[in-house]
Structures are given as C-alpha cells and as structure tokens.
Amino acid sequence: MEFNGHESDNETDEEGRTPTKVLRTEIPNNFFNNRSSETATAGVTSATLERETFTSTSKHTVDLLKKSRPPFPWFGMDIGGTLVKLVYFEPKDITAAEEQEEVESLKSIRHYLTSNTAYGKTGIRDVHLELQDLTMCGRTGNLHFIRFPTQDLPAFLQMGHNKHFSSLHSSLCATGGGAYKFESDFRTMVELQLHKLDELDCLVRGVLYMDSVVCSDPSGECYYFESPTVPERCVQKPYTLTNPYPLLLVNIGSGVSILAVYSENNYKRVTGTSLGGGTFLGLCCLLTGCSTFEEALQMASQGESTNVDKLVRDIYGGDYERFGLPGWAVASSFGNMMSKDKRDSISKEDLARATLVTITNNIGSITRMCALNENIERVVFVGNFLRVNTLSMKLLAYAMDYWSKGQLKALFLRHEGYFGAVGALLELINHT
C-alpha cells in the first residue's frame, strides 16, 4: 500500500541559491613563536633564521604541490545511462607568468565553458550550483557543474576534438557505465584514454567531499523537510551531516542503487531496482507524448494520480483499519485503468502524475525495507531524478516519516546527480 501523491501538492523549487565555501591553508602557529633572546642582535638573528626557515618551508610545500598536481584543465565526468555529468574546476588565481605560458587551446576551453550557460540545444551549466572560491590541490577557483543527455555525447566529443583537448591531456577520469561503453569513441574521436573509475566509489567520495566543503554555507549541502506529514507546515530545513555513519545512500538515476555506508571506506551495495528516473521519463514519453524530463515533471505537477490509481478506499469504502491502512493509500498503481470509462476520463497530466507517484512509491518502499534490514535510521537520496523534482522529494520524506512512525529521516543534497563526477575529479587531482 502506497501514497497517492495527493497529500503534499504545494511544490516549490528551492533552487537558486549559490552555496559558497572558501578553503584556506592556514599556517601553523608554531611558525611564529616569539622566543626571547639575551641580546638584540641575537633576537634579530633568530627572527631572520625563522623567516628564512618559513620561506624555505613554504617554497618547498609549493614546489611539492606543483609537482604533484595535474596540468589544467581539471575535469571529472560521470557518463550515465540518461545524462552525462561534467564537473570543471576553473582556476581564479592564475599568475601573469602562467597566463603568458598558457596555450590557446586551454584558454579556449576555459572561455567556452565559463562564458556560456547553455551548450548547443541540450547542454546546461547549472549556475545555481556553482561553488566559488574553492581551494583544491593548492589552487583557488570555481567549480562548475554541467550536464547534457548521453545521446548527445558525440557532439561533446567533437567539441573536444575541435578544441584540441588531447594536446593538454592524454587521459580523462570518468565513471559510470558510459566510461566503458564509450571508451573506444573517446580513443578514436578525441585521442583520449579514459581512466575508468568505479561509480559507487566515486559516488560515496563525492557525497562526503561536497558535504565537507559546503558545510559553512547557511543553506548547506544537506537538507530535509520538516513536518512532511503535515503539508501546510512542511518546510525545507538545512541538515548537518555530523558523524553521518551509518547512512543509507539511495542513488536515483536511470535505475536505482542503494548503498549502506558505515564509514568513508566501508560500504556495500545492498540492492537496487530497475524502476528509476529512466523508467519515469520513458513511460511518460509513451503515455503523454512528452520528450524531456522537465516537460514530464511539468505535466505531473498539474495532474491527479488518484484518477489513475486504485486506492484502499476504492476497495474498502474507507480505511482498512485492522492493518492501519488509510483510505487514501494506493492499493493498485494504475488500477483504475482497467475501466474503459476511467480511461476515457483521464488527462495526460493525470498519467504523468501517476507514473511519478508509482516510481517514487516503489523506491520509497524498497528503501524503507533496506533501512530496517540494515538497522539504519538516516537515509540520503541523491541522483538526477530529484533535480527540480520537489514533488518526489516531499513524497519520499512523507513516506519515510509516516511508515516508520518518525524513526526514519529522509535527507537530500543540493548537488543531486553530480557526486559521481566530483569523485572522478578528486581522483584526478589526488592521484595524478
């Protein structure tokens, strides 16, 4: 028995705020210890030695960073079944000497990516997610988040070829199934080798990193819905993932993977389901004639799933009190479509809404069972299915809270589907 998606209809898009975080490398206090001396000359000599030691140590540290970090540009890529997610680090501390030495292809790539918010007809840079003044591997800059449909990957590869990307790098860190599927295309079209990374490793690493660098922002990376079972009081609140373990990490992309995370390096895939974001969009395209995820969500927001689904009250005439099932719970998704009269009376918007509720309810049900089996009370939902999809987020929050009697808390992250790409970027700068 599931929710009918009718209890939390006042969806609002909470996007638009740009989280920022400045990381600075602080110099230890012991570099500036004031030691007394017997004579003024000794004091001057001591201070001079300290300055020379500090300068030497700092120069050595900078030299080590320069040797260990990879050449620009810095990218991390997650090639999924539906979307390609790209994370790009734009350095903002380029020196005059570095600028003089930069080759034209590097300048061209940086200018193209940062001066546009759209690339062709389908590529999008999510400006509201940009992280400004971020320090990575000793460099300060902005982190950009870009996405485009996987079916348009050939156009991206052509762009990389035209801008001579292979003259700057011989390999690219990538994760997701597409890193395997399209490996030969990268090699033949762009002359790049893909450094293929496990997608679940990248996902966990990206989630933990992003939460750590955005934690000082008032809105933070992580949030939840307060009072999810009372629609008129349901509001979004920031949540700090202090001591986050254990947690259940639910990644909703084309399909769904559910991970139990016990520490940064100790996690396992518990289970998953083939019914995910790709299922929602595919069915909506078939049932309504829509062509994009945004269009499908817009239609769903205007529909009524109870016209399509058979509810408990349609069978019992009210609640099923013996087992505590409310009359508004879904007894059979799309159950009303057995009736020709019902089929003739519904709208495309109703079908889109019912499809969204069906997929979301299924994910929520499986997640709750996994949480019970693993004895975990904190559930984090991520993935591009949740992008601009407040309806599903509120439905998941409602389901987790209601069926667990308040024991399970559903948490969400602002950068939704980009964590795999972030994990790939971290692999580039940490292990080059």
Protein backbone atom coordinates (compact mmCIF):
# COMPACT_ATOMS: atom_id res chain seq x y z
CA MET A 1 0.00 0.00 0.00
CA GLU A 2 1.50 3.33 -1.04
CA PHE A 3 0.87 7.06 -1.03
CA ASN A 4 -1.27 8.59 -3.71
CA GLY A 5 0.89 11.70 -4.09
CA HIS A 6 -2.02 13.96 -3.22
CA GLU A 7 -1.05 14.87 0.33
CA SER A 8 1.85 17.22 -0.46
CA ASP A 9 0.93 19.21 -3.53
CA ASN A 10 2.37 22.63 -2.73
CA GLU A 11 5.65 22.01 -4.55
CA THR A 12 8.16 24.81 -4.63
CA ASP A 13 11.53 24.87 -6.37
CA GLU A 14 14.14 25.59 -3.75
CA GLU A 15 16.93 26.16 -6.28
CA GLY A 16 18.56 29.49 -6.92
CA ARG A 17 20.96 29.96 -4.05
CA THR A 18 24.65 29.55 -4.77
CA PRO A 19 26.45 27.74 -1.97
CA THR A 20 29.97 29.03 -1.46
CA LYS A 21 32.86 27.81 0.58
CA VAL A 22 36.37 29.19 0.86
CA LEU A 23 39.05 26.79 1.99
CA ARG A 24 42.29 28.35 3.06
CA THR A 25 45.52 26.61 4.08
CA GLU A 26 46.37 28.05 7.47
CA ILE A 27 49.97 28.41 8.62
CA PRO A 28 50.60 26.65 11.94
CA ASN A 29 51.10 28.96 14.89
CA ASN A 30 54.50 27.49 15.70
CA PHE A 31 55.92 29.21 12.63
CA PHE A 32 55.54 32.49 14.50
CA ASN A 33 56.74 31.58 18.03
CA ASN A 34 58.35 34.58 19.77
CA ARG A 35 61.45 33.41 21.58
CA SER A 36 63.27 35.72 23.99
CA SER A 37 66.98 36.36 23.39
CA GLU A 38 69.77 37.66 25.58
CA THR A 39 70.80 40.40 23.15
CA ALA A 40 69.10 42.46 20.47
CA THR A 41 71.50 41.05 17.91
CA ALA A 42 70.62 37.51 18.87
CA GLY A 43 66.93 38.42 18.57
CA VAL A 44 67.41 39.81 15.08
CA THR A 45 69.43 36.77 14.08
CA SER A 46 66.77 34.44 15.49
CA ALA A 47 63.99 36.27 13.70
CA THR A 48 65.97 36.23 10.46
CA LEU A 49 66.55 32.49 10.76
CA GLU A 50 62.86 31.94 11.43
CA ARG A 51 61.88 33.94 8.35
CA GLU A 52 64.36 32.03 6.23
CA THR A 53 63.11 28.71 7.61
CA PHE A 54 59.48 29.73 6.97
CA THR A 55 60.29 30.91 3.43
CA SER A 56 62.20 27.71 2.71
CA THR A 57 59.42 25.50 4.12
CA SER A 58 56.70 27.39 2.23
CA LYS A 59 58.66 27.23 -1.03
CA HIS A 60 59.23 23.51 -0.54
CA THR A 61 55.49 22.96 0.07
CA VAL A 62 54.57 24.95 -3.03
CA ASP A 63 57.12 23.06 -5.13
CA LEU A 64 55.70 19.73 -3.95
CA LEU A 65 52.16 20.83 -4.83
CA LYS A 66 53.25 21.96 -8.27
CA LYS A 67 54.92 18.62 -8.95
CA SER A 68 52.02 16.53 -7.64
CA ARG A 69 49.03 18.29 -9.21
CA PRO A 70 47.93 17.57 -12.78
CA PRO A 71 48.05 20.13 -15.59
CA PHE A 72 44.90 22.11 -16.37
CA PRO A 73 42.12 21.71 -17.33
CA TRP A 74 40.68 19.71 -14.42
CA PHE A 75 37.59 17.65 -15.24
CA GLY A 76 35.62 14.84 -13.66
CA MET A 77 32.98 13.03 -15.72
CA ASP A 78 30.11 10.68 -14.92
CA ILE A 79 28.61 9.08 -18.03
CA GLY A 80 25.23 7.67 -17.03
CA GLY A 81 22.54 5.88 -18.96
CA THR A 82 20.49 9.06 -19.39
CA LEU A 83 22.73 12.02 -18.55
CA VAL A 84 26.41 12.92 -18.71
CA LYS A 85 27.53 14.97 -15.71
CA LEU A 86 30.68 17.06 -16.01
CA VAL A 87 32.47 18.91 -13.20
CA TYR A 88 35.04 21.54 -14.20
CA PHE A 89 37.44 23.43 -11.93
CA GLU A 90 38.11 26.97 -13.20
CA PRO A 91 41.30 28.42 -11.63
CA LYS A 92 40.93 32.04 -10.48
CA ASP A 93 44.46 32.52 -9.13
CA ILE A 94 46.33 32.35 -12.43
CA THR A 95 49.54 34.38 -12.25
CA ALA A 96 50.77 36.67 -15.01
CA ALA A 97 53.57 34.23 -15.77
CA GLU A 98 51.12 31.33 -16.04
CA GLU A 99 48.83 33.34 -18.28
CA GLN A 100 51.72 34.07 -20.63
CA GLU A 101 52.62 30.39 -20.81
CA GLU A 102 49.06 29.18 -21.41
CA VAL A 103 48.41 27.63 -24.78
CA GLU A 104 45.46 28.85 -26.81
CA SER A 105 43.55 25.55 -26.55
CA LEU A 106 43.49 25.81 -22.74
CA LYS A 107 42.24 29.40 -22.85
CA SER A 108 39.62 28.44 -25.44
CA ILE A 109 38.23 25.60 -23.32
CA ARG A 110 38.05 27.74 -20.19
CA HIS A 111 36.39 30.63 -22.01
CA TYR A 112 33.85 28.38 -23.73
CA LEU A 113 32.77 26.59 -20.56
CA THR A 114 32.61 29.62 -18.25
CA SER A 115 31.17 32.24 -20.59
CA ASN A 116 28.14 30.11 -21.54
CA THR A 117 25.29 28.66 -19.53
CA ALA A 118 23.98 26.57 -22.41
CA TYR A 119 25.86 24.45 -24.93
CA GLY A 120 24.01 23.64 -28.11
CA LYS A 121 20.37 22.69 -27.61
CA THR A 122 20.72 20.34 -24.65
CA GLY A 123 23.88 21.15 -22.66
CA ILE A 124 23.28 23.10 -19.43
CA ARG A 125 25.61 24.65 -16.85
CA ASP A 126 23.78 24.69 -13.51
CA VAL A 127 24.88 28.15 -12.40
CA HIS A 128 22.95 27.99 -9.13
CA LEU A 129 25.11 25.03 -8.05
CA GLU A 130 28.46 26.71 -8.73
CA LEU A 131 30.94 26.64 -5.84
CA GLN A 132 33.01 29.82 -5.68
CA ASP A 133 36.45 30.43 -4.16
CA LEU A 134 37.06 26.73 -3.58
CA THR A 135 40.61 25.56 -2.85
CA MET A 136 41.62 22.29 -4.48
CA CYS A 137 45.15 20.91 -4.58
CA GLY A 138 46.61 24.30 -3.62
CA ARG A 139 44.71 26.25 -6.28
CA THR A 140 41.73 28.56 -5.75
CA GLY A 141 38.88 28.72 -8.23
CA ASN A 142 35.25 28.00 -9.06
CA LEU A 143 33.69 24.58 -9.50
CA HIS A 144 31.21 24.37 -12.38
CA PHE A 145 28.50 21.73 -12.90
CA ILE A 146 27.47 20.84 -16.45
CA ARG A 147 25.06 18.21 -17.79
CA PHE A 148 23.79 17.00 -21.15
CA PRO A 149 21.92 13.94 -22.45
CA THR A 150 24.09 10.87 -23.00
CA GLN A 151 22.68 10.59 -26.52
CA ASP A 152 24.47 13.87 -27.31
CA LEU A 153 27.90 12.60 -26.25
CA PRO A 154 29.15 12.54 -29.89
CA ALA A 155 28.69 16.33 -30.07
CA PHE A 156 30.72 16.73 -26.87
CA LEU A 157 33.49 14.55 -28.29
CA GLN A 158 33.52 16.60 -31.47
CA MET A 159 33.88 19.77 -29.40
CA GLY A 160 36.81 18.20 -27.53
CA HIS A 161 38.41 17.30 -30.85
CA ASN A 162 37.90 20.80 -32.28
CA LYS A 163 39.44 22.42 -29.19
CA HIS A 164 42.44 20.03 -29.26
CA PHE A 165 41.82 18.63 -25.77
CA SER A 166 44.27 15.77 -26.39
CA SER A 167 47.12 18.29 -26.65
CA LEU A 168 46.54 19.09 -22.95
CA HIS A 169 45.75 15.65 -21.53
CA SER A 170 46.29 12.09 -22.64
CA SER A 171 43.58 10.70 -20.32
CA LEU A 172 40.34 11.71 -18.63
CA CYS A 173 38.95 10.48 -15.29
CA ALA A 174 35.46 9.11 -15.88
CA THR A 175 32.94 6.95 -14.08
CA GLY A 176 29.53 5.48 -14.85
CA GLY A 177 28.61 2.74 -17.29
CA GLY A 178 29.35 5.01 -20.23
CA ALA A 179 33.02 5.11 -19.29
CA TYR A 180 33.12 1.50 -20.51
CA LYS A 181 30.54 1.72 -23.28
CA PHE A 182 32.06 4.77 -24.99
CA GLU A 183 35.73 4.13 -24.23
CA SER A 184 36.58 3.42 -27.88
CA ASP A 185 34.78 6.61 -29.01
CA PHE A 186 36.97 8.73 -26.73
CA ARG A 187 40.06 6.98 -28.07
CA THR A 188 39.21 7.33 -31.77
CA MET A 189 37.44 10.72 -31.82
CA VAL A 190 39.43 12.70 -29.24
CA GLU A 191 42.60 10.58 -28.83
CA LEU A 192 41.94 10.26 -25.11
CA GLN A 193 42.30 7.27 -22.84
CA LEU A 194 39.62 7.00 -20.16
CA HIS A 195 40.81 6.35 -16.63
CA LYS A 196 37.75 4.32 -15.63
CA LEU A 197 36.61 4.55 -12.01
CA ASP A 198 34.03 2.56 -10.06
CA GLU A 199 30.82 4.59 -9.93
CA LEU A 200 29.88 3.67 -6.37
CA ASP A 201 33.36 4.57 -5.07
CA CYS A 202 33.09 7.94 -6.83
CA LEU A 203 29.55 8.48 -5.55
CA VAL A 204 30.47 8.00 -1.88
CA ARG A 205 33.67 10.02 -2.18
CA GLY A 206 31.83 12.85 -3.93
CA VAL A 207 29.00 12.99 -1.37
CA LEU A 208 31.36 13.17 1.60
CA TYR A 209 33.59 15.77 -0.06
CA MET A 210 30.76 18.06 -1.11
CA ASP A 211 29.17 17.98 2.32
CA SER A 212 32.53 18.91 3.87
CA VAL A 213 33.22 21.92 1.65
CA VAL A 214 29.71 23.40 1.66
CA CYS A 215 29.10 22.94 5.39
CA SER A 216 29.90 26.58 6.26
CA ASP A 217 27.20 27.93 3.95
CA PRO A 218 23.99 28.77 5.87
CA SER A 219 21.88 26.69 3.50
CA GLY A 220 24.45 23.88 3.46
CA GLU A 221 24.62 20.88 1.14
CA CYS A 222 22.22 18.62 3.02
CA TYR A 223 18.58 19.36 3.90
CA TYR A 224 15.33 17.71 4.93
CA PHE A 225 11.63 18.52 5.04
CA GLU A 226 10.31 19.37 8.47
CA SER A 227 6.79 18.10 9.29
CA PRO A 228 6.47 16.15 5.99
CA THR A 229 3.16 14.56 7.08
CA VAL A 230 1.54 17.98 7.61
CA PRO A 231 1.54 19.61 4.13
CA GLU A 232 0.70 23.13 5.33
CA ARG A 233 3.66 23.04 7.76
CA CYS A 234 6.12 21.17 5.53
CA VAL A 235 9.21 23.37 5.05
CA GLN A 236 12.77 22.77 3.89
CA LYS A 237 15.46 22.92 6.59
CA PRO A 238 19.28 22.59 6.44
CA TYR A 239 20.82 19.49 7.99
CA THR A 240 24.46 18.97 9.02
CA LEU A 241 25.88 15.51 8.34
CA THR A 242 27.97 15.48 11.52
CA ASN A 243 29.00 11.90 12.34
CA PRO A 244 26.94 10.69 9.37
CA TYR A 245 27.52 6.97 9.77
CA PRO A 246 25.79 4.71 9.27
CA LEU A 247 23.62 6.01 6.46
CA LEU A 248 21.67 4.56 3.59
CA LEU A 249 22.60 6.23 0.29
CA VAL A 250 19.93 5.94 -2.41
CA ASN A 251 21.16 6.94 -5.86
CA ILE A 252 18.22 7.51 -8.25
CA GLY A 253 19.43 7.80 -11.82
CA SER A 254 18.16 5.83 -14.80
CA GLY A 255 17.82 2.97 -12.33
CA VAL A 256 18.37 2.88 -8.57
CA SER A 257 21.24 1.66 -6.38
CA ILE A 258 21.01 1.53 -2.59
CA LEU A 259 24.21 1.57 -0.52
CA ALA A 260 24.76 1.04 3.18
CA VAL A 261 27.63 3.34 4.21
CA TYR A 262 29.30 2.54 7.53
CA SER A 263 32.43 4.71 7.12
CA GLU A 264 34.32 6.53 4.39
CA ASN A 265 35.90 3.28 3.21
CA ASN A 266 33.36 0.74 4.41
CA TYR A 267 30.18 0.48 2.37
CA LYS A 268 28.27 -2.05 0.33
CA ARG A 269 25.56 -2.14 -2.29
CA VAL A 270 22.52 -3.57 -0.56
CA THR A 271 20.18 -3.78 -3.55
CA GLY A 272 18.58 -1.70 -6.28
CA THR A 273 15.71 -1.56 -8.73
CA SER A 274 15.39 -1.11 -12.48
CA LEU A 275 12.45 1.26 -11.92
CA GLY A 276 14.08 4.67 -11.70
CA GLY A 277 14.27 8.03 -13.42
CA GLY A 278 14.72 6.44 -16.83
CA THR A 279 11.53 4.45 -16.27
CA PHE A 280 9.60 7.59 -15.34
CA LEU A 281 10.72 9.50 -18.43
CA GLY A 282 10.33 6.52 -20.77
CA LEU A 283 6.77 5.80 -19.63
CA CYS A 284 5.82 9.47 -19.75
CA CYS A 285 7.10 9.71 -23.33
CA LEU A 286 4.94 6.72 -24.25
CA LEU A 287 1.83 7.76 -22.33
CA THR A 288 1.80 11.52 -22.85
CA GLY A 289 3.95 12.27 -25.89
CA CYS A 290 6.36 14.48 -23.91
CA SER A 291 10.04 14.49 -24.87
CA THR A 292 12.01 15.89 -21.92
CA PHE A 293 12.29 15.29 -18.18
CA GLU A 294 11.30 18.88 -17.45
CA GLU A 295 8.19 18.57 -19.62
CA ALA A 296 7.21 15.32 -17.90
CA LEU A 297 7.57 16.92 -14.45
CA GLN A 298 5.56 19.94 -15.51
CA MET A 299 2.71 17.71 -16.66
CA ALA A 300 2.91 15.65 -13.46
CA SER A 301 2.62 18.79 -11.33
CA GLN A 302 -0.73 19.56 -12.98
CA GLY A 303 -2.20 16.05 -12.82
CA GLU A 304 -4.14 13.98 -10.29
CA SER A 305 -2.86 10.45 -9.73
CA THR A 306 -5.97 9.31 -7.84
CA ASN A 307 -7.86 9.36 -11.14
CA VAL A 308 -5.50 6.66 -12.39
CA ASP A 309 -4.62 4.63 -9.28
CA LYS A 310 -6.98 2.41 -7.30
CA LEU A 311 -6.93 3.43 -3.62
CA VAL A 312 -7.70 1.48 -0.46
CA ARG A 313 -10.99 3.36 -0.14
CA ASP A 314 -11.95 2.27 -3.68
CA ILE A 315 -11.87 -1.30 -2.39
CA TYR A 316 -12.93 -1.00 1.26
CA GLY A 317 -15.02 2.15 1.06
CA GLY A 318 -12.68 3.74 3.63
CA ASP A 319 -9.70 2.77 5.78
CA TYR A 320 -8.51 -0.80 6.23
CA GLU A 321 -8.41 -0.37 9.98
CA ARG A 322 -7.17 -3.81 11.01
CA PHE A 323 -3.76 -3.18 9.44
CA GLY A 324 -3.74 0.58 9.81
CA LEU A 325 -4.01 1.34 6.10
CA PRO A 326 -5.59 4.74 5.39
CA GLY A 327 -8.19 5.00 2.66
CA TRP A 328 -6.03 7.39 0.61
CA ALA A 329 -3.13 4.89 0.29
CA VAL A 330 -2.58 3.37 -3.16
CA ALA A 331 -3.78 -0.24 -3.34
CA SER A 332 -3.02 -0.69 -7.06
CA SER A 333 -0.97 1.69 -9.20
CA PHE A 334 -2.85 2.36 -12.48
CA GLY A 335 -5.60 0.06 -11.13
CA ASN A 336 -8.41 2.32 -12.36
CA MET A 337 -7.19 1.94 -15.95
CA MET A 338 -8.93 -1.45 -16.17
CA SER A 339 -12.16 0.52 -16.63
CA LYS A 340 -12.82 1.99 -20.10
CA ASP A 341 -14.86 4.80 -18.56
CA LYS A 342 -11.94 5.72 -16.32
CA ARG A 343 -9.52 5.58 -19.25
CA ASP A 344 -11.72 7.91 -21.26
CA SER A 345 -11.94 10.48 -18.47
CA ILE A 346 -8.26 10.95 -17.54
CA SER A 347 -5.80 13.51 -18.87
CA LYS A 348 -2.17 13.19 -19.93
CA GLU A 349 -1.28 15.17 -16.83
CA ASP A 350 -3.03 12.53 -14.67
CA LEU A 351 -0.98 9.81 -16.35
CA ALA A 352 2.28 11.70 -15.79
CA ARG A 353 1.43 12.26 -12.12
CA ALA A 354 0.50 8.60 -11.60
CA THR A 355 3.74 7.50 -13.26
CA LEU A 356 5.78 9.74 -10.98
CA VAL A 357 3.94 8.54 -7.87
CA THR A 358 4.32 4.88 -8.89
CA ILE A 359 8.09 5.14 -9.40
CA THR A 360 8.60 7.20 -6.24
CA ASN A 361 6.47 4.89 -4.08
CA ASN A 362 8.39 1.85 -5.30
CA ILE A 363 11.73 3.49 -4.44
CA GLY A 364 10.44 4.54 -1.03
CA SER A 365 9.12 1.07 -0.24
CA ILE A 366 12.39 -0.69 -1.14
CA THR A 367 14.41 1.94 0.73
CA ARG A 368 12.39 1.50 3.90
CA MET A 369 12.86 -2.27 3.85
CA CYS A 370 16.61 -1.85 3.36
CA ALA A 371 16.80 0.63 6.24
CA LEU A 372 15.02 -1.83 8.52
CA ASN A 373 17.23 -4.74 7.47
CA GLU A 374 20.43 -2.74 7.94
CA ASN A 375 19.18 -1.06 11.13
CA ILE A 376 19.88 2.42 9.70
CA GLU A 377 17.76 5.45 10.55
CA ARG A 378 19.28 8.04 8.23
CA VAL A 379 18.54 7.89 4.50
CA VAL A 380 20.16 10.18 1.92
CA PHE A 381 18.54 10.41 -1.51
CA VAL A 382 20.65 11.62 -4.45
CA GLY A 383 20.55 11.44 -8.25
CA ASN A 384 19.25 13.47 -11.16
CA PHE A 385 15.73 12.05 -10.82
CA LEU A 386 15.40 14.53 -7.93
CA ARG A 387 16.55 17.56 -9.96
CA VAL A 388 13.76 20.19 -9.85
CA ASN A 389 11.57 17.36 -8.56
CA THR A 390 10.29 18.68 -5.24
CA LEU A 391 7.14 16.60 -5.66
CA SER A 392 9.04 13.31 -5.38
CA MET A 393 11.27 14.59 -2.59
CA LYS A 394 8.28 15.54 -0.46
CA LEU A 395 6.60 12.24 -1.25
CA LEU A 396 9.72 10.32 -0.17
CA ALA A 397 10.02 12.40 3.00
CA TYR A 398 6.34 11.76 3.76
CA ALA A 399 6.65 8.02 3.17
CA MET A 400 9.81 7.59 5.26
CA ASP A 401 8.32 9.53 8.17
CA TYR A 402 4.80 8.10 8.04
CA TRP A 403 5.50 4.38 7.64
CA SER A 404 8.39 4.41 10.16
CA LYS A 405 6.34 6.41 12.68
CA GLY A 406 9.00 9.13 12.68
CA GLN A 407 12.02 6.80 13.03
CA LEU A 408 13.41 7.33 9.50
CA LYS A 409 14.58 10.72 8.27
CA ALA A 410 14.83 11.37 4.53
CA LEU A 411 17.73 13.67 3.63
CA PHE A 412 18.51 15.33 0.30
CA LEU A 413 21.58 17.01 -1.23
CA ARG A 414 21.66 20.15 -3.37
CA HIS A 415 24.11 18.86 -5.95
CA GLU A 416 21.84 15.84 -6.58
CA GLY A 417 23.35 13.97 -9.53
CA TYR A 418 26.88 15.38 -9.67
CA PHE A 419 28.59 13.39 -6.92
CA GLY A 420 30.00 10.70 -9.21
CA ALA A 421 31.63 13.37 -11.39
CA VAL A 422 33.02 15.09 -8.27
CA GLY A 423 34.51 11.77 -7.16
CA ALA A 424 36.17 11.40 -10.55
CA LEU A 425 37.63 14.92 -10.28
CA LEU A 426 39.02 14.11 -6.83
CA GLU A 427 40.71 11.03 -8.29
CA LEU A 428 42.36 13.23 -10.92
CA ILE A 429 43.84 15.77 -8.51
CA ASN A 430 44.70 13.37 -5.69
CA HIS A 431 46.28 10.52 -7.59
CA THR A 432 47.89 12.01 -10.68
